[in-house]
Amino acid sequence: MSKFLKVYLIAGEPSGDLLGSRLMKALKRQTQNNVEFYGIGGETMQAEGLKSLFDISDLSVMGFWEVVPSIPRILKRMKQTLKHIEKIQPDIVVTIDSWSFSIKIHQKLKKRRISIPHVHYVAPQVWAWKAKRAKEIKKWVDHLMMLFPFEKKYFDPYDMSSTYVGHPVIEGGADKGNKFLFYEKYNLSQEDFVMTVLPGSRKNEVQWLLPIFEQVVAVMKNKHPRLVVVIPTVQTVAKKVREMTADWPVKVIVSLGEKERYDAFAASYIALAASGTVSLELSMAGVPHVITYHVTPLSAWLVRRLLKIKYVNLINILANEEIIPELLQERCNPNQIVCKLEELINVSGKSQMEKAQRVLSKLGKNGSLLPSEKAGFCIQELVNKK
């Protein structure tokens, strides 16, 4: 592509930040660095050269009622973002996940008649919540880049322009961690029983889950005297994680960065994680794990009324089977969590990972072109068409 490319990227949470950073790398390679990035992103996008308009933690709020106190701040950030886009005049706007914020940006840009391609990366989960939303999405978004092959069928009836690019976990290197580097850095040995604990990347997730996980760790310490807990996290919640785990009854390692997270996975016998994309990474790394989640009772009640699928974990959804134990809300308690972890350690861990590997092959694991490369080519094609 000979034309200098100006791309405006918006990622509202760490998983989108990681996706955005890989897209940035791909576009830099494909254009021989003939590209400039603007927008909103976290630490990994900033490492690729993005100067984020503001800290993405301002947008990282999960749950229905939990969002309410943050509405004034989010509205302020929305106005700031729109003003910035109008000033920059990019060739394309790409929002990444964070659908509630992203759709408002697209709506307002369309109403202001800003005639550039509007792209959303990570299709809204209409298959989980409300299939008819697909028709509404077409009004505001010009093109969707999808992670899953089955998603197109929900948008095709409305002639939604879309591209299946594949899931980014395939190219992340989660299966290439080095446990020996991790042992050496933190003075561990193979006799230590390393357990990875992932309480989420949002402040409210950490606040809800870490007290429960602390009780789990206390029981696991009795069963495994050489227990070491590793908590790979992100900068936005690292301070809170350190504060909340300071008096845990085991050695706790709080680590940052993608490479060290994957080294921690390689060193781990078992993992306990908040529900999310990290379950795919753990499966790539071959770490048996349990997922959990907990929100306010009102949020949980609303989710149960709206959710149209049997499972929440992506491995389970794709397999139509509970391969990864889901201990959500009332089941997110220390006794049940310990029971499932011990079952994986003693009986079913190997079987869980064998089944999970078969599911991962559906996400483009053996494809010839990386998902980020496909996404990069897609963006250039859309700009050239405008």
Protein backbone atom coordinates (compact mmCIF):
# COMPACT_ATOMS: atom_id res chain seq x y z
CA MET A 1 0.00 0.00 0.00
CA SER A 2 1.70 3.24 -1.12
CA LYS A 3 -0.60 5.75 0.59
CA PHE A 4 0.28 6.78 4.15
CA LEU A 5 -2.34 5.17 6.38
CA LYS A 6 -3.92 6.87 9.42
CA VAL A 7 -5.74 4.36 11.61
CA TYR A 8 -7.84 5.28 14.65
CA LEU A 9 -8.08 2.36 17.10
CA ILE A 10 -10.30 2.12 20.18
CA ALA A 11 -9.76 -0.67 22.71
CA GLY A 12 -11.59 -0.40 26.02
CA GLU A 13 -10.14 -3.31 27.99
CA PRO A 14 -6.96 -5.43 28.21
CA SER A 15 -8.14 -8.22 25.90
CA GLY A 16 -8.90 -5.63 23.21
CA ASP A 17 -5.60 -3.92 23.91
CA LEU A 18 -3.76 -7.16 23.15
CA LEU A 19 -5.79 -7.65 19.97
CA GLY A 20 -5.06 -4.08 18.93
CA SER A 21 -1.32 -4.44 19.48
CA ARG A 22 -1.14 -7.47 17.21
CA LEU A 23 -3.15 -5.66 14.54
CA MET A 24 -0.72 -2.72 14.80
CA LYS A 25 2.26 -5.05 14.34
CA ALA A 26 0.64 -6.64 11.29
CA LEU A 27 -0.16 -3.29 9.67
CA LYS A 28 3.38 -2.03 10.28
CA ARG A 29 4.79 -5.12 8.57
CA GLN A 30 2.35 -4.99 5.66
CA THR A 31 2.84 -1.26 4.97
CA GLN A 32 6.59 -1.14 5.69
CA ASN A 33 5.78 1.19 8.61
CA ASN A 34 3.82 3.52 6.31
CA VAL A 35 1.11 3.81 8.94
CA GLU A 36 0.27 6.00 11.90
CA PHE A 37 -1.94 5.07 14.85
CA TYR A 38 -4.20 7.18 17.04
CA GLY A 39 -6.86 6.39 19.60
CA ILE A 40 -7.33 4.58 22.90
CA GLY A 41 -5.38 1.58 24.10
CA GLY A 42 -3.52 0.02 26.99
CA GLU A 43 0.05 -0.90 27.72
CA THR A 44 0.59 -3.34 24.82
CA MET A 45 -0.79 -0.95 22.19
CA GLN A 46 1.27 1.85 23.68
CA ALA A 47 4.35 -0.37 23.41
CA GLU A 48 3.64 -0.51 19.65
CA GLY A 49 3.62 3.28 19.44
CA LEU A 50 0.06 4.36 20.28
CA LYS A 51 -0.30 7.50 22.40
CA SER A 52 -3.53 6.69 24.17
CA LEU A 53 -6.00 9.54 24.55
CA PHE A 54 -6.75 8.35 28.12
CA ASP A 55 -6.32 5.34 30.39
CA ILE A 56 -8.48 2.43 29.27
CA SER A 57 -9.30 1.57 32.90
CA ASP A 58 -11.89 4.37 32.61
CA LEU A 59 -13.86 2.09 30.27
CA SER A 60 -13.20 -1.31 31.87
CA VAL A 61 -16.38 -1.85 33.87
CA MET A 62 -18.29 -5.14 33.89
CA GLY A 63 -21.87 -5.86 34.89
CA PHE A 64 -25.16 -3.97 34.52
CA TRP A 65 -25.55 -2.12 37.81
CA GLU A 66 -21.77 -1.78 38.25
CA VAL A 67 -21.69 0.51 35.18
CA VAL A 68 -24.14 3.08 36.59
CA PRO A 69 -21.68 5.03 38.79
CA SER A 70 -19.26 5.23 35.84
CA ILE A 71 -21.74 6.72 33.34
CA PRO A 72 -20.70 10.41 33.76
CA ARG A 73 -17.04 9.51 33.28
CA ILE A 74 -17.78 7.32 30.23
CA LEU A 75 -19.90 10.06 28.62
CA LYS A 76 -17.07 12.55 29.14
CA ARG A 77 -14.59 10.13 27.54
CA MET A 78 -16.97 9.58 24.63
CA LYS A 79 -17.13 13.30 23.85
CA GLN A 80 -13.36 13.53 24.12
CA THR A 81 -12.93 10.62 21.70
CA LEU A 82 -15.32 12.03 19.10
CA LYS A 83 -13.60 15.42 19.22
CA HIS A 84 -10.23 13.72 18.76
CA ILE A 85 -11.42 11.70 15.73
CA GLU A 86 -12.73 14.87 14.08
CA LYS A 87 -9.38 16.57 14.70
CA ILE A 88 -7.23 13.66 13.43
CA GLN A 89 -9.39 12.85 10.36
CA PRO A 90 -8.18 9.24 10.08
CA ASP A 91 -8.65 6.98 7.08
CA ILE A 92 -10.58 4.44 9.13
CA VAL A 93 -11.96 3.92 12.64
CA VAL A 94 -11.57 0.46 14.16
CA THR A 95 -13.24 -0.26 17.48
CA ILE A 96 -12.11 -3.42 19.25
CA ASP A 97 -14.57 -5.34 21.42
CA SER A 98 -16.04 -3.18 24.30
CA TRP A 99 -19.30 -3.11 22.36
CA SER A 100 -21.29 -0.81 24.66
CA PHE A 101 -18.78 2.01 24.21
CA SER A 102 -17.95 1.17 20.59
CA ILE A 103 -21.53 1.25 19.30
CA LYS A 104 -22.08 4.73 20.75
CA ILE A 105 -18.96 6.00 19.00
CA HIS A 106 -20.12 4.55 15.66
CA GLN A 107 -23.64 5.95 16.09
CA LYS A 108 -22.39 9.45 16.81
CA LEU A 109 -19.86 9.39 13.97
CA LYS A 110 -22.55 8.30 11.51
CA LYS A 111 -24.91 11.03 12.72
CA ARG A 112 -22.14 13.58 12.23
CA ARG A 113 -21.72 12.22 8.68
CA ILE A 114 -18.02 11.49 9.08
CA SER A 115 -17.55 9.48 5.90
CA ILE A 116 -14.78 7.01 6.69
CA PRO A 117 -15.07 3.23 7.05
CA HIS A 118 -16.45 2.17 10.43
CA VAL A 119 -15.08 -1.23 11.46
CA HIS A 120 -15.72 -3.28 14.57
CA TYR A 121 -13.23 -6.01 15.47
CA VAL A 122 -14.81 -8.86 17.51
CA ALA A 123 -18.43 -9.29 16.52
CA PRO A 124 -20.99 -8.60 19.28
CA GLN A 125 -22.19 -11.88 20.72
CA VAL A 126 -25.67 -11.76 19.21
CA TRP A 127 -25.69 -15.57 19.38
CA ALA A 128 -25.51 -15.34 23.17
CA TRP A 129 -27.81 -12.41 23.89
CA LYS A 130 -30.19 -11.31 21.16
CA ALA A 131 -29.89 -12.46 17.56
CA LYS A 132 -32.10 -9.66 16.19
CA ARG A 133 -29.49 -7.08 17.26
CA ALA A 134 -27.55 -8.05 14.13
CA LYS A 135 -30.00 -6.01 12.03
CA GLU A 136 -29.44 -2.90 14.17
CA ILE A 137 -25.66 -3.23 14.04
CA LYS A 138 -25.65 -2.91 10.24
CA LYS A 139 -26.99 0.66 10.55
CA TRP A 140 -23.90 1.89 12.33
CA VAL A 141 -21.01 -0.38 11.39
CA ASP A 142 -19.71 -0.80 7.84
CA HIS A 143 -17.72 -3.97 8.42
CA LEU A 144 -17.26 -6.62 11.11
CA MET A 145 -14.09 -8.63 11.65
CA MET A 146 -15.08 -11.90 13.33
CA LEU A 147 -13.17 -14.29 15.57
CA PHE A 148 -15.39 -17.34 15.11
CA PRO A 149 -16.45 -19.10 11.90
CA PHE A 150 -20.03 -19.68 13.06
CA GLU A 151 -20.78 -15.97 13.59
CA LYS A 152 -21.35 -15.04 9.94
CA LYS A 153 -24.65 -16.91 9.81
CA TYR A 154 -26.13 -14.46 12.35
CA PHE A 155 -25.25 -11.40 10.23
CA ASP A 156 -25.57 -12.68 6.65
CA PRO A 157 -29.41 -12.44 6.61
CA TYR A 158 -29.01 -8.65 7.02
CA ASP A 159 -26.28 -8.35 4.34
CA MET A 160 -23.76 -7.29 6.94
CA SER A 161 -20.31 -6.90 5.39
CA SER A 162 -17.96 -9.14 7.39
CA THR A 163 -14.70 -11.09 7.40
CA TYR A 164 -13.80 -14.11 9.50
CA VAL A 165 -10.18 -13.53 10.53
CA GLY A 166 -9.73 -16.13 13.30
CA HIS A 167 -9.05 -15.93 17.01
CA PRO A 168 -5.95 -14.05 18.25
CA VAL A 169 -5.15 -16.69 20.87
CA ILE A 170 -3.73 -18.79 18.03
CA GLU A 171 -0.82 -16.40 17.49
CA GLY A 172 -0.23 -15.29 21.05
CA GLY A 173 2.45 -17.78 22.01
CA ALA A 174 0.57 -19.08 25.05
CA ASP A 175 1.90 -22.55 24.22
CA LYS A 176 5.52 -21.35 24.02
CA GLY A 177 6.23 -20.34 27.62
CA ASN A 178 9.53 -21.26 29.29
CA LYS A 179 9.04 -22.71 32.76
CA PHE A 180 12.78 -22.88 33.47
CA LEU A 181 13.17 -19.13 32.97
CA PHE A 182 10.28 -18.62 35.35
CA TYR A 183 11.80 -20.99 37.95
CA GLU A 184 15.13 -19.18 37.72
CA LYS A 185 13.70 -15.67 37.96
CA TYR A 186 11.63 -16.43 41.07
CA ASN A 187 13.92 -18.99 42.71
CA LEU A 188 11.51 -21.90 42.28
CA SER A 189 12.09 -25.60 41.67
CA GLN A 190 10.09 -28.39 40.06
CA GLU A 191 9.17 -29.56 43.55
CA ASP A 192 7.14 -26.38 44.05
CA PHE A 193 3.45 -26.75 43.22
CA VAL A 194 2.78 -23.71 41.04
CA MET A 195 -0.83 -22.59 40.60
CA THR A 196 -1.77 -19.68 38.36
CA VAL A 197 -4.58 -17.49 39.65
CA LEU A 198 -6.27 -14.99 37.30
CA PRO A 199 -8.86 -12.78 39.01
CA GLY A 200 -9.65 -10.70 35.91
CA SER A 201 -8.38 -7.43 34.50
CA ARG A 202 -11.07 -5.07 35.77
CA LYS A 203 -11.05 -3.51 39.22
CA ASN A 204 -14.51 -4.76 40.14
CA GLU A 205 -13.61 -8.32 39.08
CA VAL A 206 -10.52 -8.28 41.29
CA GLN A 207 -12.55 -6.85 44.18
CA TRP A 208 -15.15 -9.62 43.90
CA LEU A 209 -12.95 -12.62 43.18
CA LEU A 210 -9.70 -12.26 45.12
CA PRO A 211 -11.31 -12.73 48.58
CA ILE A 212 -12.86 -15.99 47.34
CA PHE A 213 -9.59 -17.06 45.76
CA GLU A 214 -7.76 -16.34 49.04
CA GLN A 215 -9.94 -18.93 50.79
CA VAL A 216 -9.27 -21.42 47.99
CA VAL A 217 -5.52 -20.88 48.33
CA ALA A 218 -5.65 -21.45 52.10
CA VAL A 219 -7.27 -24.87 51.59
CA MET A 220 -4.96 -25.77 48.69
CA LYS A 221 -1.95 -24.91 50.85
CA ASN A 222 -2.97 -27.67 53.28
CA LYS A 223 -3.23 -30.16 50.45
CA HIS A 224 -0.07 -29.01 48.67
CA PRO A 225 2.45 -27.68 51.24
CA ARG A 226 4.81 -26.36 48.55
CA LEU A 227 2.10 -24.31 46.88
CA VAL A 228 3.24 -21.16 45.08
CA VAL A 229 0.62 -18.82 43.60
CA VAL A 230 1.34 -16.81 40.46
CA ILE A 231 -0.98 -13.95 39.52
CA PRO A 232 -0.29 -12.65 36.00
CA THR A 233 -2.07 -9.31 35.77
CA VAL A 234 -2.12 -5.97 33.98
CA GLN A 235 -0.85 -2.56 35.05
CA THR A 236 -4.31 -1.11 35.69
CA VAL A 237 -5.04 -3.49 38.59
CA ALA A 238 -1.53 -4.60 39.65
CA LYS A 239 -1.40 -2.33 42.70
CA LYS A 240 -4.78 -3.55 43.96
CA VAL A 241 -3.77 -7.19 43.42
CA ARG A 242 -0.55 -6.71 45.40
CA GLU A 243 -2.40 -5.01 48.24
CA MET A 244 -5.11 -7.68 48.44
CA THR A 245 -2.65 -10.61 48.39
CA ALA A 246 -0.01 -9.18 50.74
CA ASP A 247 -1.07 -11.38 53.68
CA TRP A 248 -1.92 -14.59 51.81
CA PRO A 249 -0.48 -17.69 53.54
CA VAL A 250 1.72 -18.70 50.57
CA LYS A 251 4.39 -17.22 48.34
CA VAL A 252 2.57 -14.98 45.84
CA ILE A 253 4.22 -13.81 42.61
CA VAL A 254 2.45 -10.92 40.87
CA SER A 255 3.77 -10.67 37.32
CA LEU A 256 3.24 -8.33 34.39
CA GLY A 257 3.61 -8.75 30.64
CA GLU A 258 2.52 -11.29 28.07
CA LYS A 259 5.83 -13.18 27.93
CA GLU A 260 5.99 -13.69 31.68
CA ARG A 261 2.33 -14.73 31.78
CA TYR A 262 3.06 -17.52 29.32
CA ASP A 263 6.19 -18.56 31.24
CA ALA A 264 4.00 -18.76 34.35
CA PHE A 265 1.53 -20.97 32.48
CA ALA A 266 4.37 -23.30 31.45
CA ALA A 267 5.42 -23.60 35.09
CA SER A 268 1.89 -24.24 36.41
CA TYR A 269 0.22 -27.53 37.29
CA ILE A 270 -3.24 -26.00 37.56
CA ALA A 271 -5.05 -22.68 37.16
CA LEU A 272 -8.04 -20.83 38.55
CA ALA A 273 -9.36 -18.01 36.35
CA ALA A 274 -12.09 -15.45 35.95
CA SER A 275 -14.22 -16.28 32.93
CA GLY A 276 -12.83 -14.78 29.73
CA THR A 277 -10.37 -15.13 26.86
CA VAL A 278 -7.64 -16.31 29.23
CA SER A 279 -9.30 -19.74 29.27
CA LEU A 280 -8.33 -20.11 25.60
CA GLU A 281 -4.75 -19.17 26.46
CA LEU A 282 -4.63 -21.69 29.30
CA SER A 283 -5.96 -24.34 26.95
CA MET A 284 -3.30 -23.44 24.37
CA ALA A 285 -0.68 -23.78 27.11
CA GLY A 286 -2.10 -27.14 28.23
CA VAL A 287 -2.90 -26.00 31.78
CA PRO A 288 -5.98 -27.69 33.32
CA HIS A 289 -8.19 -25.04 34.84
CA VAL A 290 -11.48 -23.99 36.37
CA ILE A 291 -13.28 -20.75 35.51
CA THR A 292 -15.33 -18.67 37.92
CA TYR A 293 -17.24 -15.42 37.98
CA HIS A 294 -19.23 -13.35 40.43
CA VAL A 295 -21.25 -10.15 40.03
CA THR A 296 -23.94 -8.43 42.10
CA PRO A 297 -27.17 -10.44 42.56
CA LEU A 298 -29.10 -7.97 40.41
CA SER A 299 -26.61 -8.23 37.55
CA ALA A 300 -26.69 -12.02 37.81
CA TRP A 301 -30.49 -12.01 37.67
CA LEU A 302 -30.46 -9.89 34.50
CA VAL A 303 -27.82 -12.05 32.82
CA ARG A 304 -29.84 -15.20 33.46
CA ARG A 305 -32.90 -13.62 31.89
CA LEU A 306 -31.05 -12.43 28.80
CA LEU A 307 -28.51 -15.17 28.14
CA LYS A 308 -29.52 -17.53 25.32
CA ILE A 309 -26.72 -20.08 25.59
CA LYS A 310 -26.02 -23.00 27.90
CA TYR A 311 -22.37 -22.16 28.68
CA VAL A 312 -20.30 -18.99 29.04
CA ASN A 313 -16.83 -20.42 28.39
CA LEU A 314 -15.83 -20.33 24.70
CA ILE A 315 -14.30 -23.80 24.75
CA ASN A 316 -17.55 -25.16 26.17
CA ILE A 317 -19.72 -23.18 23.75
CA LEU A 318 -17.83 -24.47 20.72
CA ALA A 319 -17.85 -28.05 22.03
CA ASN A 320 -21.42 -27.89 23.39
CA GLU A 321 -20.02 -29.65 26.45
CA GLU A 322 -18.69 -28.49 29.82
CA ILE A 323 -15.03 -29.29 29.22
CA ILE A 324 -13.90 -26.41 31.44
CA PRO A 325 -15.78 -26.37 34.78
CA GLU A 326 -17.89 -23.22 35.12
CA LEU A 327 -18.37 -22.18 38.75
CA LEU A 328 -20.43 -19.02 38.43
CA GLN A 329 -22.24 -16.86 41.00
CA GLU A 330 -23.60 -19.18 43.76
CA ARG A 331 -21.24 -21.96 42.64
CA CYS A 332 -18.30 -19.57 42.89
CA ASN A 333 -17.45 -20.63 46.43
CA PRO A 334 -14.23 -22.05 47.94
CA ASN A 335 -15.52 -25.56 48.59
CA GLN A 336 -16.73 -26.21 45.05
CA ILE A 337 -13.68 -24.56 43.51
CA VAL A 338 -11.23 -26.67 45.55
CA CYS A 339 -13.20 -29.81 44.73
CA LYS A 340 -12.98 -29.14 40.97
CA LEU A 341 -9.30 -28.21 41.13
CA GLU A 342 -8.43 -31.40 42.99
CA GLU A 343 -10.45 -33.45 40.52
CA LEU A 344 -8.39 -31.96 37.68
CA ILE A 345 -5.12 -32.58 39.53
CA ASN A 346 -5.88 -36.18 40.41
CA VAL A 347 -8.18 -37.46 37.65
CA SER A 348 -9.36 -35.41 34.70
CA GLY A 349 -6.77 -32.75 33.85
CA LYS A 350 -5.23 -34.62 30.92
CA SER A 351 -8.63 -35.44 29.41
CA GLN A 352 -9.73 -31.81 29.75
CA MET A 353 -6.74 -30.59 27.77
CA GLU A 354 -7.09 -33.25 25.04
CA LYS A 355 -10.69 -32.17 24.44
CA ALA A 356 -9.77 -28.47 24.55
CA GLN A 357 -7.06 -28.95 21.90
CA ARG A 358 -9.62 -30.42 19.51
CA VAL A 359 -11.79 -27.33 19.99
CA LEU A 360 -8.89 -24.94 19.40
CA SER A 361 -8.39 -26.41 15.93
CA LYS A 362 -11.75 -24.83 15.01
CA LEU A 363 -10.37 -21.36 15.72
CA GLY A 364 -7.77 -21.38 12.97
CA LYS A 365 -4.95 -23.00 14.95
CA ASN A 366 -3.65 -24.72 11.83
CA GLY A 367 -4.36 -21.89 9.36
CA SER A 368 -1.74 -20.56 6.94
CA LEU A 369 -2.27 -16.85 7.73
CA LEU A 370 -2.32 -15.39 11.25
CA PRO A 371 -5.56 -13.69 12.39
CA SER A 372 -3.83 -10.32 12.82
CA GLU A 373 -2.44 -10.55 9.27
CA LYS A 374 -5.92 -11.24 7.90
CA ALA A 375 -7.27 -8.29 9.89
CA GLY A 376 -4.52 -6.01 8.61
CA PHE A 377 -5.21 -6.87 4.97
CA CYS A 378 -8.93 -6.42 5.56
CA ILE A 379 -8.42 -2.88 6.89
CA GLN A 380 -6.24 -1.86 3.95
CA GLU A 381 -8.79 -3.23 1.49
CA LEU A 382 -11.58 -1.25 3.17
CA VAL A 383 -9.55 1.98 3.03
CA ASN A 384 -8.72 1.42 -0.64
CA LYS A 385 -12.43 0.96 -1.45
CA LYS A 386 -13.63 4.17 0.16
